[in-house]
Amino acid sequence: MSLSSMINGGVDVSTLADRLGRADPAFTLRKYVHRVVGAGSKVRIAVRSAYTRAV
């Protein structure tokens, strides 16, 4: 299973970085993570949800 798949499945980047022995989660993102299929729709859903709760 790839790190991108793990993130897509809900594992947070800080946890993955820690498990890989990396101090900086940003390094983990730059080095290992690739575009996630369906990410655009996840962003739209999250933004819509945030605005719905705020109103």
C-alpha atoms as a PDB file:
ATOM      1  CA  MET A   1       0.000   0.000   0.000  1.00  0.00           C
ATOM      2  CA  SER A   2       1.375   3.410  -0.935  1.00  0.00           C
ATOM      3  CA  LEU A   3       1.517   6.421   1.370  1.00  0.00           C
ATOM      4  CA  SER A   4      -0.878   8.203  -0.965  1.00  0.00           C
ATOM      5  CA  SER A   5      -3.363   5.371  -0.452  1.00  0.00           C
ATOM      6  CA  MET A   6      -2.939   5.594   3.304  1.00  0.00           C
ATOM      7  CA  ILE A   7      -3.607   9.340   3.296  1.00  0.00           C
ATOM      8  CA  ASN A   8      -6.585   8.789   0.994  1.00  0.00           C
ATOM      9  CA  GLY A   9      -7.805   6.235   3.540  1.00  0.00           C
ATOM     10  CA  GLY A  10      -7.671   8.765   6.358  1.00  0.00           C
ATOM     11  CA  VAL A  11      -4.235   8.319   7.945  1.00  0.00           C
ATOM     12  CA  ASP A  12      -2.790  11.727   8.816  1.00  0.00           C
ATOM     13  CA  VAL A  13       0.573  12.825   7.437  1.00  0.00           C
ATOM     14  CA  SER A  14       2.120  13.418  10.870  1.00  0.00           C
ATOM     15  CA  THR A  15       1.508   9.799  11.853  1.00  0.00           C
ATOM     16  CA  LEU A  16       2.965   8.512   8.591  1.00  0.00           C
ATOM     17  CA  ALA A  17       6.035  10.745   8.956  1.00  0.00           C
ATOM     18  CA  ASP A  18       6.542   9.506  12.508  1.00  0.00           C
ATOM     19  CA  ARG A  19       6.287   5.862  11.421  1.00  0.00           C
ATOM     20  CA  LEU A  20       8.860   6.502   8.686  1.00  0.00           C
ATOM     21  CA  GLY A  21      11.209   8.144  11.178  1.00  0.00           C
ATOM     22  CA  ARG A  22      10.860  11.566   9.584  1.00  0.00           C
ATOM     23  CA  ALA A  23      10.789  14.632  11.817  1.00  0.00           C
ATOM     24  CA  ASP A  24       9.125  16.821   9.193  1.00  0.00           C
ATOM     25  CA  PRO A  25       5.728  15.768   7.761  1.00  0.00           C
ATOM     26  CA  ALA A  26       6.251  18.242   4.895  1.00  0.00           C
ATOM     27  CA  PHE A  27       9.274  16.213   3.765  1.00  0.00           C
ATOM     28  CA  THR A  28       7.089  13.106   3.710  1.00  0.00           C
ATOM     29  CA  LEU A  29       4.554  14.875   1.515  1.00  0.00           C
ATOM     30  CA  ARG A  30       7.197  16.180  -0.888  1.00  0.00           C
ATOM     31  CA  LYS A  31       9.038  12.880  -1.153  1.00  0.00           C
ATOM     32  CA  TYR A  32       6.398  10.167  -1.101  1.00  0.00           C
ATOM     33  CA  VAL A  33       2.895  11.433  -1.813  1.00  0.00           C
ATOM     34  CA  HIS A  34       1.406  11.658  -5.270  1.00  0.00           C
ATOM     35  CA  ARG A  35      -1.849  13.048  -6.571  1.00  0.00           C
ATOM     36  CA  VAL A  36      -4.817  11.281  -5.012  1.00  0.00           C
ATOM     37  CA  VAL A  37      -7.687  10.228  -7.252  1.00  0.00           C
ATOM     38  CA  GLY A  38     -10.878  11.997  -6.228  1.00  0.00           C
ATOM     39  CA  ALA A  39      -9.109  14.627  -4.123  1.00  0.00           C
ATOM     40  CA  GLY A  40     -10.918  17.475  -5.860  1.00  0.00           C
ATOM     41  CA  SER A  41     -14.325  16.169  -4.856  1.00  0.00           C
ATOM     42  CA  LYS A  42     -13.114  15.611  -1.274  1.00  0.00           C
ATOM     43  CA  VAL A  43     -12.053  19.256  -1.101  1.00  0.00           C
ATOM     44  CA  ARG A  44     -15.403  20.442  -2.421  1.00  0.00           C
ATOM     45  CA  ILE A  45     -17.280  18.307   0.108  1.00  0.00           C
ATOM     46  CA  ALA A  46     -15.101  19.522   3.000  1.00  0.00           C
ATOM     47  CA  VAL A  47     -15.473  23.194   2.046  1.00  0.00           C
ATOM     48  CA  ARG A  48     -19.210  22.845   1.534  1.00  0.00           C
ATOM     49  CA  SER A  49     -19.506  21.132   4.910  1.00  0.00           C
ATOM     50  CA  ALA A  50     -17.485  23.847   6.656  1.00  0.00           C
ATOM     51  CA  TYR A  51     -19.698  26.587   5.191  1.00  0.00           C
ATOM     52  CA  THR A  52     -22.863  24.694   6.068  1.00  0.00           C
ATOM     53  CA  ARG A  53     -21.814  24.407   9.732  1.00  0.00           C
ATOM     54  CA  ALA A  54     -20.794  28.081   9.875  1.00  0.00           C
ATOM     55  CA  VAL A  55     -24.175  29.353   8.708  1.00  0.00           C
END
